[in-house]
PDB file of N, CA and C in Angstrom:
ATOM      1  N   GLN A   1      -8.340  -2.163   8.551  1.00  0.00           N
ATOM      2  CA  GLN A   1      -7.919  -2.918   7.375  1.00  0.00           C
ATOM      3  C   GLN A   1      -7.228  -1.966   6.392  1.00  0.00           C
ATOM      4  N   VAL A   2      -6.195  -2.466   5.727  1.00  0.00           N
ATOM      5  CA  VAL A   2      -5.430  -1.691   4.765  1.00  0.00           C
ATOM      6  C   VAL A   2      -5.422  -2.440   3.444  1.00  0.00           C
ATOM      7  N   GLN A   3      -5.626  -1.731   2.359  1.00  0.00           N
ATOM      8  CA  GLN A   3      -5.500  -2.304   1.021  1.00  0.00           C
ATOM      9  C   GLN A   3      -4.363  -1.619   0.292  1.00  0.00           C
ATOM     10  N   LEU A   4      -3.582  -2.413  -0.429  1.00  0.00           N
ATOM     11  CA  LEU A   4      -2.450  -1.908  -1.206  1.00  0.00           C
ATOM     12  C   LEU A   4      -2.704  -2.205  -2.679  1.00  0.00           C
ATOM     13  N   VAL A   5      -2.611  -1.184  -3.507  1.00  0.00           N
ATOM     14  CA  VAL A   5      -2.838  -1.352  -4.944  1.00  0.00           C
ATOM     15  C   VAL A   5      -1.596  -0.891  -5.688  1.00  0.00           C
ATOM     16  N   GLU A   6      -0.993  -1.840  -6.412  1.00  0.00           N
ATOM     17  CA  GLU A   6       0.234  -1.556  -7.151  1.00  0.00           C
ATOM     18  C   GLU A   6      -0.068  -1.244  -8.606  1.00  0.00           C
ATOM     19  N   SER A   7       0.863  -0.533  -9.226  1.00  0.00           N
ATOM     20  CA  SER A   7       0.793  -0.288 -10.666  1.00  0.00           C
ATOM     21  C   SER A   7       2.202  -0.018 -11.173  1.00  0.00           C
ATOM     22  N   GLY A   8       2.377  -0.157 -12.486  1.00  0.00           N
ATOM     23  CA  GLY A   8       3.630   0.239 -13.103  1.00  0.00           C
ATOM     24  C   GLY A   8       4.524  -0.873 -13.589  1.00  0.00           C
ATOM     25  N   GLY A   9       4.150  -2.119 -13.385  1.00  0.00           N
ATOM     26  CA  GLY A   9       4.984  -3.193 -13.893  1.00  0.00           C
ATOM     27  C   GLY A   9       4.904  -3.295 -15.401  1.00  0.00           C
ATOM     28  N   GLY A  10       5.705  -4.194 -15.972  1.00  0.00           N
ATOM     29  CA  GLY A  10       5.662  -4.393 -17.411  1.00  0.00           C
ATOM     30  C   GLY A  10       6.911  -5.056 -17.931  1.00  0.00           C
ATOM     31  N   LEU A  11       7.077  -4.956 -19.243  1.00  0.00           N
ATOM     32  CA  LEU A  11       8.213  -5.550 -19.947  1.00  0.00           C
ATOM     33  C   LEU A  11       9.141  -4.438 -20.400  1.00  0.00           C
ATOM     34  N   VAL A  12      10.431  -4.618 -20.134  1.00  0.00           N
ATOM     35  CA  VAL A  12      11.425  -3.617 -20.512  1.00  0.00           C
ATOM     36  C   VAL A  12      12.703  -4.323 -20.909  1.00  0.00           C
ATOM     37  N   GLN A  13      13.457  -3.701 -21.767  1.00  0.00           N
ATOM     38  CA  GLN A  13      14.746  -4.262 -22.163  1.00  0.00           C
ATOM     39  C   GLN A  13      15.795  -3.986 -21.084  1.00  0.00           C
ATOM     40  N   ALA A  14      16.798  -4.821 -21.060  1.00  0.00           N
ATOM     41  CA  ALA A  14      17.898  -4.613 -20.122  1.00  0.00           C
ATOM     42  C   ALA A  14      18.487  -3.212 -20.310  1.00  0.00           C
ATOM     43  N   GLY A  15      18.766  -2.572 -19.177  1.00  0.00           N
ATOM     44  CA  GLY A  15      19.259  -1.201 -19.208  1.00  0.00           C
ATOM     45  C   GLY A  15      18.172  -0.159 -19.122  1.00  0.00           C
ATOM     46  N   GLY A  16      16.934  -0.590 -19.262  1.00  0.00           N
ATOM     47  CA  GLY A  16      15.816   0.337 -19.211  1.00  0.00           C
ATOM     48  C   GLY A  16      15.362   0.642 -17.804  1.00  0.00           C
ATOM     49  N   SER A  17      14.260   1.380 -17.722  1.00  0.00           N
ATOM     50  CA  SER A  17      13.736   1.837 -16.434  1.00  0.00           C
ATOM     51  C   SER A  17      12.246   1.571 -16.333  1.00  0.00           C
ATOM     52  N   LEU A  18      11.803   1.390 -15.104  1.00  0.00           N
ATOM     53  CA  LEU A  18      10.385   1.291 -14.783  1.00  0.00           C
ATOM     54  C   LEU A  18      10.158   1.966 -13.441  1.00  0.00           C
ATOM     55  N   ARG A  19       8.933   2.438 -13.245  1.00  0.00           N
ATOM     56  CA  ARG A  19       8.565   3.026 -11.965  1.00  0.00           C
ATOM     57  C   ARG A  19       7.318   2.332 -11.446  1.00  0.00           C
ATOM     58  N   LEU A  20       7.427   1.768 -10.267  1.00  0.00           N
ATOM     59  CA  LEU A  20       6.295   1.131  -9.610  1.00  0.00           C
ATOM     60  C   LEU A  20       5.675   2.103  -8.602  1.00  0.00           C
ATOM     61  N   SER A  21       4.361   2.011  -8.476  1.00  0.00           N
ATOM     62  CA  SER A  21       3.634   2.812  -7.493  1.00  0.00           C
ATOM     63  C   SER A  21       2.749   1.902  -6.662  1.00  0.00           C
ATOM     64  N   CYS A  22       2.541   2.291  -5.425  1.00  0.00           N
ATOM     65  CA  CYS A  22       1.653   1.535  -4.537  1.00  0.00           C
ATOM     66  C   CYS A  22       0.921   2.524  -3.642  1.00  0.00           C
ATOM     67  N   VAL A  23      -0.397   2.452  -3.706  1.00  0.00           N
ATOM     68  CA  VAL A  23      -1.241   3.326  -2.886  1.00  0.00           C
ATOM     69  C   VAL A  23      -1.878   2.505  -1.780  1.00  0.00           C
ATOM     70  N   ALA A  24      -1.761   2.999  -0.563  1.00  0.00           N
ATOM     71  CA  ALA A  24      -2.378   2.340   0.592  1.00  0.00           C
ATOM     72  C   ALA A  24      -3.657   3.070   0.970  1.00  0.00           C
ATOM     73  N   SER A  25      -4.718   2.308   1.167  1.00  0.00           N
ATOM     74  CA  SER A  25      -5.968   2.879   1.642  1.00  0.00           C
ATOM     75  C   SER A  25      -6.382   2.175   2.916  1.00  0.00           C
ATOM     76  N   GLY A  26      -7.087   2.884   3.768  1.00  0.00           N
ATOM     77  CA  GLY A  26      -7.501   2.310   5.035  1.00  0.00           C
ATOM     78  C   GLY A  26      -6.679   2.864   6.182  1.00  0.00           C
ATOM     79  N   SER A  27      -6.682   2.143   7.274  1.00  0.00           N
ATOM     80  CA  SER A  27      -6.103   2.641   8.529  1.00  0.00           C
ATOM     81  C   SER A  27      -4.626   2.281   8.658  1.00  0.00           C
ATOM     82  N   ILE A  28      -3.806   2.848   7.790  1.00  0.00           N
ATOM     83  CA  ILE A  28      -2.377   2.555   7.873  1.00  0.00           C
ATOM     84  C   ILE A  28      -1.694   3.418   8.931  1.00  0.00           C
ATOM     85  N   GLY A  29      -2.277   4.564   9.256  1.00  0.00           N
ATOM     86  CA  GLY A  29      -1.695   5.425  10.273  1.00  0.00           C
ATOM     87  C   GLY A  29      -0.550   6.254   9.732  1.00  0.00           C
ATOM     88  N   SER A  30      -0.186   7.276  10.497  1.00  0.00           N
ATOM     89  CA  SER A  30       0.856   8.200  10.049  1.00  0.00           C
ATOM     90  C   SER A  30       2.262   7.644  10.278  1.00  0.00           C
ATOM     91  N   ARG A  31       2.406   6.716  11.211  1.00  0.00           N
ATOM     92  CA  ARG A  31       3.701   6.078  11.462  1.00  0.00           C
ATOM     93  C   ARG A  31       3.637   4.668  10.903  1.00  0.00           C
ATOM     94  N   ASN A  32       4.338   4.439   9.804  1.00  0.00           N
ATOM     95  CA  ASN A  32       4.259   3.130   9.150  1.00  0.00           C
ATOM     96  C   ASN A  32       5.513   2.877   8.331  1.00  0.00           C
ATOM     97  N   VAL A  33       5.576   1.704   7.792  1.00  0.00           N
ATOM     98  CA  VAL A  33       6.655   1.319   6.880  1.00  0.00           C
ATOM     99  C   VAL A  33       6.010   0.839   5.587  1.00  0.00           C
ATOM    100  N   MET A  34       6.540   1.291   4.467  1.00  0.00           N
ATOM    101  CA  MET A  34       6.075   0.812   3.178  1.00  0.00           C
ATOM    102  C   MET A  34       7.283   0.434   2.340  1.00  0.00           C
ATOM    103  N   GLY A  35       7.115  -0.591   1.531  1.00  0.00           N
ATOM    104  CA  GLY A  35       8.247  -1.017   0.736  1.00  0.00           C
ATOM    105  C   GLY A  35       7.864  -2.018  -0.319  1.00  0.00           C
ATOM    106  N   TRP A  36       8.892  -2.635  -0.883  1.00  0.00           N
ATOM    107  CA  TRP A  36       8.729  -3.560  -1.994  1.00  0.00           C
ATOM    108  C   TRP A  36       9.535  -4.833  -1.749  1.00  0.00           C
ATOM    109  N   TYR A  37       8.897  -5.946  -2.039  1.00  0.00           N
ATOM    110  CA  TYR A  37       9.545  -7.244  -2.089  1.00  0.00           C
ATOM    111  C   TYR A  37       9.406  -7.774  -3.512  1.00  0.00           C
ATOM    112  N   ARG A  38      10.186  -8.777  -3.841  1.00  0.00           N
ATOM    113  CA  ARG A  38      10.033  -9.432  -5.138  1.00  0.00           C
ATOM    114  C   ARG A  38      10.245 -10.925  -4.986  1.00  0.00           C
ATOM    115  N   GLN A  39       9.637 -11.649  -5.927  1.00  0.00           N
ATOM    116  CA  GLN A  39       9.761 -13.100  -5.930  1.00  0.00           C
ATOM    117  C   GLN A  39       9.884 -13.583  -7.357  1.00  0.00           C
ATOM    118  N   ALA A  40      11.026 -14.179  -7.650  1.00  0.00           N
ATOM    119  CA  ALA A  40      11.254 -14.779  -8.959  1.00  0.00           C
ATOM    120  C   ALA A  40      10.818 -16.236  -8.906  1.00  0.00           C
ATOM    121  N   PRO A  41      10.521 -16.844 -10.056  1.00  0.00           N
ATOM    122  CA  PRO A  41      10.093 -18.252 -10.076  1.00  0.00           C
ATOM    123  C   PRO A  41      11.114 -19.160  -9.399  1.00  0.00           C
ATOM    124  N   GLY A  42      10.629 -19.981  -8.480  1.00  0.00           N
ATOM    125  CA  GLY A  42      11.507 -20.915  -7.789  1.00  0.00           C
ATOM    126  C   GLY A  42      12.354 -20.306  -6.686  1.00  0.00           C
ATOM    127  N   GLU A  43      12.160 -19.015  -6.439  1.00  0.00           N
ATOM    128  CA  GLU A  43      12.961 -18.329  -5.430  1.00  0.00           C
ATOM    129  C   GLU A  43      12.076 -17.872  -4.272  1.00  0.00           C
ATOM    130  N   GLN A  44      12.725 -17.576  -3.156  1.00  0.00           N
ATOM    131  CA  GLN A  44      12.000 -17.012  -2.018  1.00  0.00           C
ATOM    132  C   GLN A  44      11.742 -15.522  -2.235  1.00  0.00           C
ATOM    133  N   ARG A  45      10.686 -15.050  -1.607  1.00  0.00           N
ATOM    134  CA  ARG A  45      10.402 -13.622  -1.669  1.00  0.00           C
ATOM    135  C   ARG A  45      11.493 -12.878  -0.895  1.00  0.00           C
ATOM    136  N   GLU A  46      11.981 -11.785  -1.478  1.00  0.00           N
ATOM    137  CA  GLU A  46      13.066 -11.048  -0.863  1.00  0.00           C
ATOM    138  C   GLU A  46      12.756  -9.553  -0.818  1.00  0.00           C
ATOM    139  N   LEU A  47      13.294  -8.900   0.201  1.00  0.00           N
ATOM    140  CA  LEU A  47      13.145  -7.455   0.316  1.00  0.00           C
ATOM    141  C   LEU A  47      13.944  -6.765  -0.775  1.00  0.00           C
ATOM    142  N   VAL A  48      13.307  -5.795  -1.416  1.00  0.00           N
ATOM    143  CA  VAL A  48      13.990  -4.960  -2.398  1.00  0.00           C
ATOM    144  C   VAL A  48      14.364  -3.624  -1.755  1.00  0.00           C
ATOM    145  N   ALA A  49      13.369  -2.955  -1.200  1.00  0.00           N
ATOM    146  CA  ALA A  49      13.603  -1.657  -0.562  1.00  0.00           C
ATOM    147  C   ALA A  49      12.425  -1.344   0.342  1.00  0.00           C
ATOM    148  N   ALA A  50      12.710  -0.581   1.392  1.00  0.00           N
ATOM    149  CA  ALA A  50      11.658  -0.173   2.323  1.00  0.00           C
ATOM    150  C   ALA A  50      11.953   1.231   2.812  1.00  0.00           C
ATOM    151  N   ALA A  51      10.892   1.933   3.196  1.00  0.00           N
ATOM    152  CA  ALA A  51      11.036   3.300   3.692  1.00  0.00           C
ATOM    153  C   ALA A  51      10.038   3.529   4.815  1.00  0.00           C
ATOM    154  N   THR A  52      10.509   4.115   5.889  1.00  0.00           N
ATOM    155  CA  THR A  52       9.608   4.455   6.979  1.00  0.00           C
ATOM    156  C   THR A  52       8.955   5.799   6.700  1.00  0.00           C
ATOM    157  N   SER A  53       7.888   6.077   7.416  1.00  0.00           N
ATOM    158  CA  SER A  53       7.221   7.361   7.263  1.00  0.00           C
ATOM    159  C   SER A  53       8.119   8.507   7.743  1.00  0.00           C
ATOM    160  N   ALA A  54       9.147   8.180   8.530  1.00  0.00           N
ATOM    161  CA  ALA A  54      10.091   9.193   9.000  1.00  0.00           C
ATOM    162  C   ALA A  54      11.186   9.466   7.983  1.00  0.00           C
ATOM    163  N   GLY A  55      11.251   8.646   6.930  1.00  0.00           N
ATOM    164  CA  GLY A  55      12.220   8.905   5.872  1.00  0.00           C
ATOM    165  C   GLY A  55      13.433   7.996   5.854  1.00  0.00           C
ATOM    166  N   ASN A  56      13.495   7.031   6.758  1.00  0.00           N
ATOM    167  CA  ASN A  56      14.608   6.082   6.720  1.00  0.00           C
ATOM    168  C   ASN A  56      14.376   5.057   5.632  1.00  0.00           C
ATOM    169  N   THR A  57      15.445   4.686   4.933  1.00  0.00           N
ATOM    170  CA  THR A  57      15.326   3.732   3.836  1.00  0.00           C
ATOM    171  C   THR A  57      16.304   2.577   3.998  1.00  0.00           C
ATOM    172  N   ASN A  58      15.960   1.477   3.343  1.00  0.00           N
ATOM    173  CA  ASN A  58      16.793   0.279   3.370  1.00  0.00           C
ATOM    174  C   ASN A  58      16.694  -0.373   2.006  1.00  0.00           C
ATOM    175  N   TYR A  59      17.829  -0.830   1.471  1.00  0.00           N
ATOM    176  CA  TYR A  59      17.858  -1.437   0.144  1.00  0.00           C
ATOM    177  C   TYR A  59      18.559  -2.787   0.195  1.00  0.00           C
ATOM    178  N   ALA A  60      18.120  -3.669  -0.675  1.00  0.00           N
ATOM    179  CA  ALA A  60      18.875  -4.892  -0.914  1.00  0.00           C
ATOM    180  C   ALA A  60      20.181  -4.520  -1.595  1.00  0.00           C
ATOM    181  N   ARG A  61      21.220  -5.273  -1.288  1.00  0.00           N
ATOM    182  CA  ARG A  61      22.537  -4.969  -1.854  1.00  0.00           C
ATOM    183  C   ARG A  61      22.497  -5.027  -3.379  1.00  0.00           C
ATOM    184  N   SER A  62      21.684  -5.916  -3.917  1.00  0.00           N
ATOM    185  CA  SER A  62      21.664  -6.133  -5.365  1.00  0.00           C
ATOM    186  C   SER A  62      21.052  -4.967  -6.141  1.00  0.00           C
ATOM    187  N   VAL A  63      20.343  -4.083  -5.469  1.00  0.00           N
ATOM    188  CA  VAL A  63      19.683  -2.987  -6.177  1.00  0.00           C
ATOM    189  C   VAL A  63      20.235  -1.621  -5.790  1.00  0.00           C
ATOM    190  N   LYS A  64      21.118  -1.572  -4.825  1.00  0.00           N
ATOM    191  CA  LYS A  64      21.681  -0.281  -4.388  1.00  0.00           C
ATOM    192  C   LYS A  64      22.352   0.430  -5.558  1.00  0.00           C
ATOM    193  N   GLY A  65      22.045   1.699  -5.687  1.00  0.00           N
ATOM    194  CA  GLY A  65      22.624   2.491  -6.768  1.00  0.00           C
ATOM    195  C   GLY A  65      21.825   2.433  -8.057  1.00  0.00           C
ATOM    196  N   ARG A  66      20.879   1.499  -8.153  1.00  0.00           N
ATOM    197  CA  ARG A  66      20.048   1.385  -9.361  1.00  0.00           C
ATOM    198  C   ARG A  66      18.576   1.711  -9.062  1.00  0.00           C
ATOM    199  N   PHE A  67      18.107   1.306  -7.895  1.00  0.00           N
ATOM    200  CA  PHE A  67      16.710   1.529  -7.512  1.00  0.00           C
ATOM    201  C   PHE A  67      16.634   2.615  -6.454  1.00  0.00           C
ATOM    202  N   THR A  68      15.543   3.382  -6.489  1.00  0.00           N
ATOM    203  CA  THR A  68      15.309   4.415  -5.492  1.00  0.00           C
ATOM    204  C   THR A  68      13.870   4.316  -4.991  1.00  0.00           C
ATOM    205  N   ILE A  69      13.731   4.222  -3.691  1.00  0.00           N
ATOM    206  CA  ILE A  69      12.400   4.204  -3.084  1.00  0.00           C
ATOM    207  C   ILE A  69      12.080   5.612  -2.582  1.00  0.00           C
ATOM    208  N   SER A  70      10.839   6.002  -2.776  1.00  0.00           N
ATOM    209  CA  SER A  70      10.410   7.317  -2.284  1.00  0.00           C
ATOM    210  C   SER A  70       8.959   7.221  -1.846  1.00  0.00           C
ATOM    211  N   ARG A  71       8.534   8.211  -1.101  1.00  0.00           N
ATOM    212  CA  ARG A  71       7.180   8.186  -0.561  1.00  0.00           C
ATOM    213  C   ARG A  71       6.526   9.557  -0.656  1.00  0.00           C
ATOM    214  N   ASP A  72       5.215   9.516  -0.765  1.00  0.00           N
ATOM    215  CA  ASP A  72       4.388  10.705  -0.602  1.00  0.00           C
ATOM    216  C   ASP A  72       3.463  10.380   0.568  1.00  0.00           C
ATOM    217  N   ASN A  73       3.838  10.828   1.752  1.00  0.00           N
ATOM    218  CA  ASN A  73       3.083  10.443   2.945  1.00  0.00           C
ATOM    219  C   ASN A  73       1.660  11.002   2.932  1.00  0.00           C
ATOM    220  N   ALA A  74       1.489  12.149   2.336  1.00  0.00           N
ATOM    221  CA  ALA A  74       0.146  12.740   2.279  1.00  0.00           C
ATOM    222  C   ALA A  74      -0.801  11.881   1.462  1.00  0.00           C
ATOM    223  N   LYS A  75      -0.254  11.140   0.518  1.00  0.00           N
ATOM    224  CA  LYS A  75      -1.074  10.291  -0.361  1.00  0.00           C
ATOM    225  C   LYS A  75      -0.950   8.818   0.002  1.00  0.00           C
ATOM    226  N   ASN A  76      -0.207   8.509   1.086  1.00  0.00           N
ATOM    227  CA  ASN A  76       0.029   7.099   1.463  1.00  0.00           C
ATOM    228  C   ASN A  76       0.495   6.283   0.265  1.00  0.00           C
ATOM    229  N   THR A  77       1.431   6.829  -0.457  1.00  0.00           N
ATOM    230  CA  THR A  77       1.927   6.207  -1.680  1.00  0.00           C
ATOM    231  C   THR A  77       3.429   6.008  -1.591  1.00  0.00           C
ATOM    232  N   VAL A  78       3.877   4.850  -2.072  1.00  0.00           N
ATOM    233  CA  VAL A  78       5.298   4.566  -2.150  1.00  0.00           C
ATOM    234  C   VAL A  78       5.640   4.252  -3.603  1.00  0.00           C
ATOM    235  N   TYR A  79       6.808   4.701  -4.013  1.00  0.00           N
ATOM    236  CA  TYR A  79       7.272   4.505  -5.382  1.00  0.00           C
ATOM    237  C   TYR A  79       8.588   3.736  -5.370  1.00  0.00           C
ATOM    238  N   LEU A  80       8.822   3.032  -6.461  1.00  0.00           N
ATOM    239  CA  LEU A  80      10.112   2.391  -6.658  1.00  0.00           C
ATOM    240  C   LEU A  80      10.571   2.713  -8.073  1.00  0.00           C
ATOM    241  N   GLN A  81      11.561   3.582  -8.161  1.00  0.00           N
ATOM    242  CA  GLN A  81      12.161   3.910  -9.456  1.00  0.00           C
ATOM    243  C   GLN A  81      13.279   2.913  -9.716  1.00  0.00           C
ATOM    244  N   MET A  82      13.137   2.179 -10.794  1.00  0.00           N
ATOM    245  CA  MET A  82      14.103   1.122 -11.121  1.00  0.00           C
ATOM    246  C   MET A  82      14.829   1.499 -12.395  1.00  0.00           C
ATOM    247  N   ASN A  83      16.124   1.745 -12.286  1.00  0.00           N
ATOM    248  CA  ASN A  83      16.964   2.097 -13.432  1.00  0.00           C
ATOM    249  C   ASN A  83      17.985   1.004 -13.687  1.00  0.00           C
ATOM    250  N   SER A  84      18.565   1.033 -14.848  1.00  0.00           N
ATOM    251  CA  SER A  84      19.601   0.058 -15.227  1.00  0.00           C
ATOM    252  C   SER A  84      19.132  -1.361 -14.935  1.00  0.00           C
ATOM    253  N   LEU A  85      17.935  -1.671 -15.367  1.00  0.00           N
ATOM    254  CA  LEU A  85      17.357  -2.980 -15.063  1.00  0.00           C
ATOM    255  C   LEU A  85      18.127  -4.098 -15.736  1.00  0.00           C
ATOM    256  N   LYS A  86      18.185  -5.224 -15.024  1.00  0.00           N
ATOM    257  CA  LYS A  86      18.893  -6.405 -15.497  1.00  0.00           C
ATOM    258  C   LYS A  86      17.907  -7.564 -15.614  1.00  0.00           C
ATOM    259  N   PRO A  87      18.201  -8.548 -16.456  1.00  0.00           N
ATOM    260  CA  PRO A  87      17.309  -9.717 -16.544  1.00  0.00           C
ATOM    261  C   PRO A  87      17.058 -10.368 -15.181  1.00  0.00           C
ATOM    262  N   GLU A  88      18.042 -10.336 -14.301  1.00  0.00           N
ATOM    263  CA  GLU A  88      17.865 -10.950 -12.979  1.00  0.00           C
ATOM    264  C   GLU A  88      16.927 -10.155 -12.067  1.00  0.00           C
ATOM    265  N   ASP A  89      16.491  -8.985 -12.508  1.00  0.00           N
ATOM    266  CA  ASP A  89      15.483  -8.236 -11.766  1.00  0.00           C
ATOM    267  C   ASP A  89      14.064  -8.732 -12.093  1.00  0.00           C
ATOM    268  N   THR A  90      13.956  -9.610 -13.061  1.00  0.00           N
ATOM    269  CA  THR A  90      12.650 -10.154 -13.431  1.00  0.00           C
ATOM    270  C   THR A  90      12.022 -10.895 -12.256  1.00  0.00           C
ATOM    271  N   ALA A  91      10.814 -10.503 -11.907  1.00  0.00           N
ATOM    272  CA  ALA A  91      10.128 -11.088 -10.754  1.00  0.00           C
ATOM    273  C   ALA A  91       8.740 -10.467 -10.640  1.00  0.00           C
ATOM    274  N   VAL A  92       7.946 -11.031  -9.758  1.00  0.00           N
ATOM    275  CA  VAL A  92       6.722 -10.359  -9.333  1.00  0.00           C
ATOM    276  C   VAL A  92       7.091  -9.464  -8.152  1.00  0.00           C
ATOM    277  N   TYR A  93       6.748  -8.213  -8.268  1.00  0.00           N
ATOM    278  CA  TYR A  93       7.065  -7.239  -7.226  1.00  0.00           C
ATOM    279  C   TYR A  93       5.819  -6.989  -6.380  1.00  0.00           C
ATOM    280  N   TYR A  94       5.992  -7.097  -5.077  1.00  0.00           N
ATOM    281  CA  TYR A  94       4.879  -6.950  -4.144  1.00  0.00           C
ATOM    282  C   TYR A  94       5.088  -5.722  -3.264  1.00  0.00           C
ATOM    283  N   CYS A  95       4.056  -4.927  -3.172  1.00  0.00           N
ATOM    284  CA  CYS A  95       4.062  -3.838  -2.205  1.00  0.00           C
ATOM    285  C   CYS A  95       3.786  -4.414  -0.820  1.00  0.00           C
ATOM    286  N   HIS A  96       4.483  -3.883   0.154  1.00  0.00           N
ATOM    287  CA  HIS A  96       4.345  -4.357   1.535  1.00  0.00           C
ATOM    288  C   HIS A  96       4.232  -3.150   2.449  1.00  0.00           C
ATOM    289  N   ALA A  97       3.378  -3.253   3.443  1.00  0.00           N
ATOM    290  CA  ALA A  97       3.228  -2.173   4.405  1.00  0.00           C
ATOM    291  C   ALA A  97       3.040  -2.739   5.806  1.00  0.00           C
ATOM    292  N   ILE A  98       3.532  -2.002   6.765  1.00  0.00           N
ATOM    293  CA  ILE A  98       3.293  -2.312   8.176  1.00  0.00           C
ATOM    294  C   ILE A  98       2.609  -1.102   8.777  1.00  0.00           C
ATOM    295  N   SER A  99       1.421  -1.318   9.274  1.00  0.00           N
ATOM    296  CA  SER A  99       0.642  -0.197   9.786  1.00  0.00           C
ATOM    297  C   SER A  99       1.157   0.280  11.140  1.00  0.00           C
ATOM    298  N   TYR A 100       0.569   1.357  11.631  1.00  0.00           N
ATOM    299  CA  TYR A 100       0.965   1.926  12.926  1.00  0.00           C
ATOM    300  C   TYR A 100       0.716   0.955  14.071  1.00  0.00           C
ATOM    301  N   LEU A 101      -0.110  -0.068  13.825  1.00  0.00           N
ATOM    302  CA  LEU A 101      -0.364  -1.099  14.835  1.00  0.00           C
ATOM    303  C   LEU A 101       0.594  -2.277  14.700  1.00  0.00           C
ATOM    304  N   GLY A 102       1.493  -2.211  13.721  1.00  0.00           N
ATOM    305  CA  GLY A 102       2.433  -3.304  13.516  1.00  0.00           C
ATOM    306  C   GLY A 102       1.877  -4.450  12.700  1.00  0.00           C
ATOM    307  N   VAL A 103       0.748  -4.236  12.034  1.00  0.00           N
ATOM    308  CA  VAL A 103       0.130  -5.284  11.227  1.00  0.00           C
ATOM    309  C   VAL A 103       0.669  -5.222   9.797  1.00  0.00           C
ATOM    310  N   PRO A 104       1.126  -6.338   9.244  1.00  0.00           N
ATOM    311  CA  PRO A 104       1.659  -6.342   7.869  1.00  0.00           C
ATOM    312  C   PRO A 104       0.562  -6.566   6.831  1.00  0.00           C
ATOM    313  N   TYR A 105       0.743  -5.959   5.683  1.00  0.00           N
ATOM    314  CA  TYR A 105      -0.184  -6.113   4.567  1.00  0.00           C
ATOM    315  C   TYR A 105       0.615  -6.286   3.279  1.00  0.00           C
ATOM    316  N   TRP A 106      -0.019  -6.971   2.312  1.00  0.00           N
ATOM    317  CA  TRP A 106       0.614  -7.213   1.013  1.00  0.00           C
ATOM    318  C   TRP A 106      -0.305  -6.769  -0.113  1.00  0.00           C
ATOM    319  N   GLY A 107       0.315  -6.273  -1.183  1.00  0.00           N
ATOM    320  CA  GLY A 107      -0.424  -6.023  -2.405  1.00  0.00           C
ATOM    321  C   GLY A 107      -0.552  -7.305  -3.208  1.00  0.00           C
ATOM    322  N   GLN A 108      -1.223  -7.195  -4.345  1.00  0.00           N
ATOM    323  CA  GLN A 108      -1.492  -8.381  -5.153  1.00  0.00           C
ATOM    324  C   GLN A 108      -0.308  -8.755  -6.039  1.00  0.00           C
ATOM    325  N   GLY A 109       0.629  -7.861  -6.203  1.00  0.00           N
ATOM    326  CA  GLY A 109       1.815  -8.133  -7.004  1.00  0.00           C
ATOM    327  C   GLY A 109       1.697  -7.598  -8.420  1.00  0.00           C
ATOM    328  N   THR A 110       2.832  -7.182  -8.962  1.00  0.00           N
ATOM    329  CA  THR A 110       2.878  -6.715 -10.348  1.00  0.00           C
ATOM    330  C   THR A 110       4.128  -7.308 -11.009  1.00  0.00           C
ATOM    331  N   GLN A 111       3.952  -7.805 -12.216  1.00  0.00           N
ATOM    332  CA  GLN A 111       5.051  -8.489 -12.914  1.00  0.00           C
ATOM    333  C   GLN A 111       5.998  -7.481 -13.544  1.00  0.00           C
ATOM    334  N   VAL A 112       7.273  -7.700 -13.311  1.00  0.00           N
ATOM    335  CA  VAL A 112       8.335  -6.951 -13.989  1.00  0.00           C
ATOM    336  C   VAL A 112       9.178  -7.958 -14.753  1.00  0.00           C
ATOM    337  N   THR A 113       9.292  -7.764 -16.055  1.00  0.00           N
ATOM    338  CA  THR A 113      10.071  -8.650 -16.899  1.00  0.00           C
ATOM    339  C   THR A 113      11.120  -7.838 -17.639  1.00  0.00           C
ATOM    340  N   VAL A 114      12.371  -8.245 -17.489  1.00  0.00           N
ATOM    341  CA  VAL A 114      13.477  -7.550 -18.148  1.00  0.00           C
ATOM    342  C   VAL A 114      14.083  -8.498 -19.167  1.00  0.00           C
ATOM    343  N   SER A 115      14.023  -8.121 -20.415  1.00  0.00           N
ATOM    344  CA  SER A 115      14.548  -8.972 -21.483  1.00  0.00           C
ATOM    345  C   SER A 115      15.999  -8.601 -21.773  1.00  0.00           C
ATOM    346  N   SER A 116      16.760  -9.623 -22.157  1.00  0.00           N
ATOM    347  CA  SER A 116      18.190  -9.402 -22.432  1.00  0.00           C
ATOM    348  C   SER A 116      18.413  -9.034 -23.890  1.00  0.00           C
TER     349      SER A 116
END
């Protein structure tokens, strides 16, 4: 079993920055994928960014150049540095992980609100 605990959400003005963190505990294994999804009211949950334990990354087109995903594999932690935030980035952000067994896990979500 794997547990994901997120932190770092909040309220920020447009153009500002926030950093999200997610710590995985349990049997995630050394080969895994960790990343972030978001869901705005009335919208489907969408991938924001993901990173493999080998260092490969993937970003949604809407956040490329503004958001950066990084990992500390020794701490089973993934970060999302969000710069130049826009009101349309407002959503609940969910940490997501796929363990070495291919099992997916979700965090509880953290609210990010960007005011105009």
